[in-house]
Amino acid sequence: MATQQLGELLRGARESKQWSITEAAAMLGTTKSHLFELEQGRSSNPTLRLIAAMVIVCGVRPEAVIATAIPATTIEERTGG
């Protein structure tokens, strides 16, 4: 997963809701330090539960999360695009 892209997506969603890292971590069911590491692109293995929480709680579009997991070149290769 492109951890930097996922981190930027998560940070953008959190900031658009004007939540602190502490508030967002509590809502997502994770620790403040783990959320910080995710936002910085330093955590490369978020759980499916955390990704689902991002979609439900933060309003992140599922296709945006999926796009961070599959490089565009892979999609183009598989679809002939």
Protein backbone atom coordinates (compact mmCIF):
# COMPACT_ATOMS: atom_id res chain seq x y z
CA MET A 1 0.00 0.00 0.00
CA ALA A 2 1.29 3.44 -0.81
CA THR A 3 1.61 4.50 2.80
CA GLN A 4 2.35 8.15 2.06
CA GLN A 5 -0.81 8.48 -0.05
CA LEU A 6 -2.93 6.76 2.57
CA GLY A 7 -1.47 9.02 5.26
CA GLU A 8 -2.24 12.14 3.25
CA LEU A 9 -5.78 10.92 2.63
CA LEU A 10 -6.34 10.22 6.31
CA ARG A 11 -4.79 13.50 7.47
CA GLY A 12 -6.85 15.46 4.95
CA ALA A 13 -10.07 13.81 6.12
CA ARG A 14 -9.20 14.46 9.77
CA GLU A 15 -8.29 18.09 9.15
CA SER A 16 -11.42 18.72 7.09
CA LYS A 17 -13.45 17.67 10.13
CA GLN A 18 -11.22 19.83 12.37
CA TRP A 19 -10.41 16.90 14.64
CA SER A 20 -7.23 16.69 16.65
CA ILE A 21 -5.14 13.54 16.34
CA THR A 22 -6.33 12.56 19.82
CA GLU A 23 -10.01 12.97 18.87
CA ALA A 24 -9.63 11.12 15.59
CA ALA A 25 -7.68 8.26 17.17
CA ALA A 26 -10.43 7.76 19.75
CA MET A 27 -13.11 7.73 17.04
CA LEU A 28 -11.11 5.33 14.87
CA GLY A 29 -10.34 3.00 17.77
CA THR A 30 -6.58 3.33 17.54
CA THR A 31 -3.84 5.08 19.46
CA LYS A 32 -2.71 8.63 18.89
CA SER A 33 0.81 7.42 18.11
CA HIS A 34 -0.43 4.86 15.55
CA LEU A 35 -2.58 7.48 13.83
CA PHE A 36 0.38 9.86 13.74
CA GLU A 37 2.57 7.14 12.20
CA LEU A 38 -0.13 6.42 9.60
CA GLU A 39 -0.47 10.08 8.69
CA GLN A 40 3.31 10.38 8.32
CA GLY A 41 3.42 7.34 6.02
CA ARG A 42 5.50 5.36 8.50
CA SER A 43 2.97 2.61 9.24
CA SER A 44 2.67 0.28 6.29
CA ASN A 45 0.11 -2.18 7.62
CA PRO A 46 -3.20 -0.65 8.73
CA THR A 47 -5.83 -3.20 9.67
CA LEU A 48 -8.97 -3.72 7.64
CA ARG A 49 -10.95 -2.58 10.67
CA LEU A 50 -9.05 0.71 10.73
CA ILE A 51 -9.56 1.23 7.00
CA ALA A 52 -13.28 0.52 7.42
CA ALA A 53 -13.39 3.05 10.26
CA MET A 54 -11.73 5.63 8.01
CA VAL A 55 -14.51 5.14 5.47
CA ILE A 56 -17.35 5.17 8.00
CA VAL A 57 -16.15 7.69 10.60
CA CYS A 58 -14.05 10.06 8.50
CA GLY A 59 -16.12 9.86 5.34
CA VAL A 60 -13.18 8.76 3.20
CA ARG A 61 -14.37 7.36 -0.13
CA PRO A 62 -13.68 3.61 -0.37
CA GLU A 63 -12.35 3.98 -3.93
CA ALA A 64 -9.83 6.54 -2.69
CA VAL A 65 -8.48 4.05 -0.15
CA ILE A 66 -8.36 1.30 -2.78
CA ALA A 67 -6.51 3.62 -5.15
CA THR A 68 -3.73 4.03 -2.58
CA ALA A 69 -3.38 0.24 -2.41
CA ILE A 70 -3.13 -0.46 -6.13
CA PRO A 71 -0.61 1.52 -8.15
CA ALA A 72 -2.08 3.13 -11.26
CA THR A 73 0.36 1.23 -13.46
CA THR A 74 -1.03 -2.06 -12.14
CA ILE A 75 -4.59 -0.98 -12.89
CA GLU A 76 -3.63 0.09 -16.40
CA GLU A 77 -1.84 -3.19 -17.03
CA ARG A 78 -4.85 -5.23 -15.87
CA THR A 79 -7.44 -3.21 -17.78
CA GLY A 80 -5.43 -2.57 -20.91
CA GLY A 81 -5.61 1.21 -20.29
